[in-house]
Amino acid sequence: MNADISESVWDALADTQQEAANLKARSALLYAIRQAVQRWELPQEEAAKRLGLTRPRTSDLLRGKLAKFSLDALVNIAASAHLEIEIRVKDAA
């Protein structure tokens, strides 16, 4: 049995470095958005209105259904949630 060790779960799940980078960015945004929405302590219908989403789409977001959201969509949702996005780029180890 040969066990490969990955730096993150996304590295282990992704087929390419590019896919892993996209998953990492999307998961970080989704997590931050979910935290912000939970702090609002609003019913999903009200949170959906704030985010400019339908209630089912908001439900997918709050349930962490990452595959249903592109990076662009999450950036737009984060902006609707009044979150400031900061991107850091560094050389890979």
N, C-alpha and C. Protein backbone atom coordinates (compact mmCIF):
# COMPACT_ATOMS: atom_id res chain seq x y z
N MET A 1 0.84 -1.17 0.00
CA MET A 1 0.00 0.00 0.00
C MET A 1 0.89 1.24 0.00
N ASN A 2 0.69 2.11 -0.98
CA ASN A 2 1.47 3.32 -1.11
C ASN A 2 0.60 4.51 -0.74
N ALA A 3 0.95 5.21 0.34
CA ALA A 3 0.14 6.34 0.81
C ALA A 3 0.81 7.65 0.42
N ASP A 4 0.12 8.45 -0.39
CA ASP A 4 0.60 9.79 -0.73
C ASP A 4 0.11 10.75 0.34
N ILE A 5 0.96 11.70 0.70
CA ILE A 5 0.59 12.69 1.70
C ILE A 5 0.38 14.02 0.98
N SER A 6 -0.80 14.60 1.18
CA SER A 6 -1.14 15.88 0.56
C SER A 6 -1.12 16.97 1.61
N GLU A 7 -0.87 18.20 1.15
CA GLU A 7 -0.85 19.33 2.07
C GLU A 7 -2.23 19.68 2.58
N SER A 8 -3.26 19.47 1.77
CA SER A 8 -4.62 19.76 2.19
C SER A 8 -5.57 18.74 1.57
N VAL A 9 -6.79 18.76 2.07
CA VAL A 9 -7.80 17.86 1.52
C VAL A 9 -8.06 18.19 0.06
N TRP A 10 -7.97 19.48 -0.29
CA TRP A 10 -8.21 19.89 -1.68
C TRP A 10 -7.12 19.36 -2.59
N ASP A 11 -5.89 19.33 -2.13
CA ASP A 11 -4.80 18.75 -2.92
C ASP A 11 -5.05 17.27 -3.16
N ALA A 12 -5.60 16.61 -2.15
CA ALA A 12 -5.86 15.17 -2.27
C ALA A 12 -7.02 14.89 -3.21
N LEU A 13 -8.02 15.76 -3.22
CA LEU A 13 -9.21 15.54 -4.04
C LEU A 13 -9.05 15.97 -5.49
N ALA A 14 -8.23 16.98 -5.71
CA ALA A 14 -8.10 17.55 -7.05
C ALA A 14 -7.16 16.74 -7.92
N ASP A 15 -7.45 16.78 -9.21
CA ASP A 15 -6.59 16.09 -10.17
C ASP A 15 -5.40 16.94 -10.58
N THR A 16 -5.55 18.26 -10.48
CA THR A 16 -4.47 19.17 -10.89
C THR A 16 -4.25 20.23 -9.82
N GLN A 17 -3.11 20.89 -9.89
CA GLN A 17 -2.82 21.99 -8.96
C GLN A 17 -3.80 23.14 -9.18
N GLN A 18 -4.19 23.36 -10.43
CA GLN A 18 -5.12 24.44 -10.74
C GLN A 18 -6.48 24.17 -10.10
N GLU A 19 -6.94 22.94 -10.20
CA GLU A 19 -8.22 22.58 -9.60
C GLU A 19 -8.16 22.71 -8.08
N ALA A 20 -7.06 22.31 -7.47
CA ALA A 20 -6.89 22.42 -6.02
C ALA A 20 -6.91 23.89 -5.59
N ALA A 21 -6.24 24.75 -6.35
CA ALA A 21 -6.22 26.18 -6.03
C ALA A 21 -7.62 26.76 -6.11
N ASN A 22 -8.38 26.37 -7.12
CA ASN A 22 -9.75 26.85 -7.26
C ASN A 22 -10.62 26.37 -6.11
N LEU A 23 -10.48 25.11 -5.73
CA LEU A 23 -11.26 24.57 -4.61
C LEU A 23 -10.92 25.29 -3.30
N LYS A 24 -9.64 25.57 -3.09
CA LYS A 24 -9.22 26.27 -1.87
C LYS A 24 -9.83 27.66 -1.80
N ALA A 25 -9.77 28.40 -2.91
CA ALA A 25 -10.31 29.76 -2.93
C ALA A 25 -11.83 29.73 -2.74
N ARG A 26 -12.50 28.83 -3.43
CA ARG A 26 -13.96 28.75 -3.31
C ARG A 26 -14.38 28.35 -1.91
N SER A 27 -13.67 27.41 -1.31
CA SER A 27 -14.06 26.97 0.04
C SER A 27 -13.83 28.07 1.07
N ALA A 28 -12.75 28.84 0.91
CA ALA A 28 -12.50 29.95 1.84
C ALA A 28 -13.59 31.00 1.74
N LEU A 29 -14.00 31.34 0.51
CA LEU A 29 -15.07 32.31 0.31
C LEU A 29 -16.40 31.78 0.85
N LEU A 30 -16.72 30.55 0.54
CA LEU A 30 -17.98 29.97 1.00
C LEU A 30 -18.04 29.99 2.53
N TYR A 31 -16.95 29.62 3.17
CA TYR A 31 -16.90 29.61 4.63
C TYR A 31 -17.12 31.01 5.20
N ALA A 32 -16.44 32.01 4.63
CA ALA A 32 -16.58 33.38 5.13
C ALA A 32 -18.00 33.91 4.93
N ILE A 33 -18.59 33.59 3.80
CA ILE A 33 -19.96 34.03 3.54
C ILE A 33 -20.92 33.36 4.52
N ARG A 34 -20.77 32.08 4.71
CA ARG A 34 -21.64 31.36 5.66
C ARG A 34 -21.54 31.96 7.06
N GLN A 35 -20.33 32.28 7.49
CA GLN A 35 -20.13 32.87 8.81
C GLN A 35 -20.85 34.21 8.91
N ALA A 36 -20.73 35.03 7.88
CA ALA A 36 -21.37 36.35 7.87
C ALA A 36 -22.89 36.20 7.94
N VAL A 37 -23.45 35.33 7.13
CA VAL A 37 -24.90 35.14 7.10
C VAL A 37 -25.39 34.61 8.45
N GLN A 38 -24.66 33.72 9.06
CA GLN A 38 -25.06 33.19 10.38
C GLN A 38 -25.04 34.29 11.43
N ARG A 39 -24.11 35.23 11.33
CA ARG A 39 -24.06 36.35 12.29
C ARG A 39 -25.28 37.27 12.14
N TRP A 40 -25.85 37.32 10.95
CA TRP A 40 -27.03 38.16 10.74
C TRP A 40 -28.23 37.67 11.53
N GLU A 41 -28.26 36.39 11.82
CA GLU A 41 -29.38 35.79 12.57
C GLU A 41 -30.73 36.15 11.94
N LEU A 42 -30.82 35.96 10.62
CA LEU A 42 -32.03 36.24 9.87
C LEU A 42 -32.61 34.95 9.32
N PRO A 43 -33.91 34.92 9.06
CA PRO A 43 -34.47 33.78 8.35
C PRO A 43 -33.83 33.69 6.95
N GLN A 44 -33.80 32.49 6.39
CA GLN A 44 -33.16 32.31 5.08
C GLN A 44 -33.75 33.22 4.01
N GLU A 45 -35.04 33.44 4.06
CA GLU A 45 -35.70 34.29 3.06
C GLU A 45 -35.12 35.71 3.10
N GLU A 46 -34.91 36.24 4.29
CA GLU A 46 -34.33 37.59 4.44
C GLU A 46 -32.86 37.60 4.03
N ALA A 47 -32.13 36.57 4.42
CA ALA A 47 -30.72 36.47 4.03
C ALA A 47 -30.61 36.39 2.51
N ALA A 48 -31.50 35.64 1.89
CA ALA A 48 -31.50 35.51 0.43
C ALA A 48 -31.69 36.87 -0.23
N LYS A 49 -32.60 37.66 0.29
CA LYS A 49 -32.83 39.01 -0.26
C LYS A 49 -31.58 39.87 -0.16
N ARG A 50 -30.92 39.81 0.99
CA ARG A 50 -29.69 40.60 1.18
C ARG A 50 -28.61 40.19 0.18
N LEU A 51 -28.55 38.90 -0.09
CA LEU A 51 -27.51 38.37 -0.96
C LEU A 51 -27.89 38.44 -2.44
N GLY A 52 -29.14 38.74 -2.72
CA GLY A 52 -29.60 38.76 -4.11
C GLY A 52 -29.74 37.36 -4.69
N LEU A 53 -30.08 36.40 -3.84
CA LEU A 53 -30.22 35.01 -4.25
C LEU A 53 -31.64 34.52 -4.00
N THR A 54 -31.97 33.40 -4.59
CA THR A 54 -33.24 32.75 -4.25
C THR A 54 -33.05 32.03 -2.91
N ARG A 55 -34.13 31.68 -2.25
CA ARG A 55 -34.03 30.96 -1.00
C ARG A 55 -33.38 29.58 -1.20
N PRO A 56 -33.74 28.81 -2.28
CA PRO A 56 -33.05 27.53 -2.48
C PRO A 56 -31.54 27.68 -2.71
N ARG A 57 -31.16 28.73 -3.43
CA ARG A 57 -29.73 28.97 -3.66
C ARG A 57 -29.03 29.33 -2.35
N THR A 58 -29.70 30.10 -1.53
CA THR A 58 -29.16 30.45 -0.21
C THR A 58 -29.03 29.20 0.65
N SER A 59 -30.00 28.32 0.56
CA SER A 59 -29.94 27.07 1.30
C SER A 59 -28.71 26.25 0.88
N ASP A 60 -28.47 26.17 -0.44
CA ASP A 60 -27.28 25.47 -0.93
C ASP A 60 -26.01 26.09 -0.36
N LEU A 61 -25.98 27.41 -0.32
CA LEU A 61 -24.83 28.13 0.21
C LEU A 61 -24.60 27.79 1.69
N LEU A 62 -25.67 27.87 2.46
CA LEU A 62 -25.56 27.64 3.90
C LEU A 62 -25.29 26.18 4.24
N ARG A 63 -25.61 25.29 3.35
CA ARG A 63 -25.31 23.87 3.56
C ARG A 63 -23.93 23.49 3.05
N GLY A 64 -23.22 24.49 2.50
CA GLY A 64 -21.84 24.25 2.08
C GLY A 64 -21.70 23.46 0.80
N LYS A 65 -22.66 23.55 -0.09
CA LYS A 65 -22.61 22.81 -1.35
C LYS A 65 -21.68 23.51 -2.34
N LEU A 66 -20.41 23.32 -2.13
CA LEU A 66 -19.36 24.02 -2.87
C LEU A 66 -19.45 23.79 -4.37
N ALA A 67 -19.80 22.61 -4.80
CA ALA A 67 -19.85 22.29 -6.23
C ALA A 67 -20.87 23.13 -6.98
N LYS A 68 -21.82 23.72 -6.28
CA LYS A 68 -22.87 24.50 -6.93
C LYS A 68 -22.49 25.96 -7.15
N PHE A 69 -21.28 26.36 -6.72
CA PHE A 69 -20.88 27.76 -6.81
C PHE A 69 -19.53 27.91 -7.47
N SER A 70 -19.48 28.77 -8.49
CA SER A 70 -18.21 29.09 -9.13
C SER A 70 -17.49 30.13 -8.29
N LEU A 71 -16.23 30.33 -8.59
CA LEU A 71 -15.45 31.35 -7.90
C LEU A 71 -16.05 32.73 -8.15
N ASP A 72 -16.44 32.99 -9.40
CA ASP A 72 -17.06 34.29 -9.73
C ASP A 72 -18.34 34.51 -8.93
N ALA A 73 -19.17 33.48 -8.86
CA ALA A 73 -20.44 33.61 -8.12
C ALA A 73 -20.17 33.91 -6.65
N LEU A 74 -19.19 33.24 -6.06
CA LEU A 74 -18.89 33.45 -4.65
C LEU A 74 -18.32 34.84 -4.40
N VAL A 75 -17.53 35.36 -5.33
CA VAL A 75 -17.02 36.74 -5.20
C VAL A 75 -18.20 37.71 -5.20
N ASN A 76 -19.13 37.51 -6.10
CA ASN A 76 -20.31 38.39 -6.17
C ASN A 76 -21.16 38.30 -4.91
N ILE A 77 -21.34 37.09 -4.40
CA ILE A 77 -22.13 36.90 -3.18
C ILE A 77 -21.43 37.54 -1.99
N ALA A 78 -20.11 37.39 -1.92
CA ALA A 78 -19.35 38.01 -0.83
C ALA A 78 -19.49 39.52 -0.86
N ALA A 79 -19.46 40.10 -2.05
CA ALA A 79 -19.65 41.55 -2.17
C ALA A 79 -21.04 41.95 -1.71
N SER A 80 -22.05 41.16 -2.05
CA SER A 80 -23.42 41.43 -1.59
C SER A 80 -23.54 41.32 -0.08
N ALA A 81 -22.70 40.50 0.52
CA ALA A 81 -22.69 40.33 1.98
C ALA A 81 -21.84 41.40 2.66
N HIS A 82 -21.31 42.34 1.86
CA HIS A 82 -20.46 43.42 2.35
C HIS A 82 -19.18 42.90 2.98
N LEU A 83 -18.63 41.86 2.37
CA LEU A 83 -17.35 41.32 2.80
C LEU A 83 -16.26 41.88 1.89
N GLU A 84 -15.15 42.23 2.47
CA GLU A 84 -14.00 42.70 1.70
C GLU A 84 -13.15 41.50 1.36
N ILE A 85 -12.81 41.38 0.10
CA ILE A 85 -12.01 40.24 -0.35
C ILE A 85 -10.58 40.71 -0.56
N GLU A 86 -9.66 39.97 0.00
CA GLU A 86 -8.24 40.26 -0.15
C GLU A 86 -7.57 39.01 -0.71
N ILE A 87 -6.80 39.18 -1.76
CA ILE A 87 -6.14 38.05 -2.39
C ILE A 87 -4.65 38.14 -2.13
N ARG A 88 -4.10 37.03 -1.62
CA ARG A 88 -2.65 36.95 -1.42
C ARG A 88 -2.12 35.88 -2.35
N VAL A 89 -1.04 36.19 -3.04
CA VAL A 89 -0.42 35.23 -3.93
C VAL A 89 1.02 35.06 -3.49
N LYS A 90 1.46 33.81 -3.37
CA LYS A 90 2.84 33.55 -2.97
C LYS A 90 3.37 32.38 -3.76
N ASP A 91 4.67 32.27 -3.81
CA ASP A 91 5.29 31.13 -4.50
C ASP A 91 4.93 29.84 -3.77
N ALA A 92 4.67 28.81 -4.53
CA ALA A 92 4.36 27.51 -3.93
C ALA A 92 5.64 26.92 -3.33
N ALA A 93 5.46 26.17 -2.29
CA ALA A 93 6.62 25.57 -1.60
C ALA A 93 7.26 24.48 -2.41
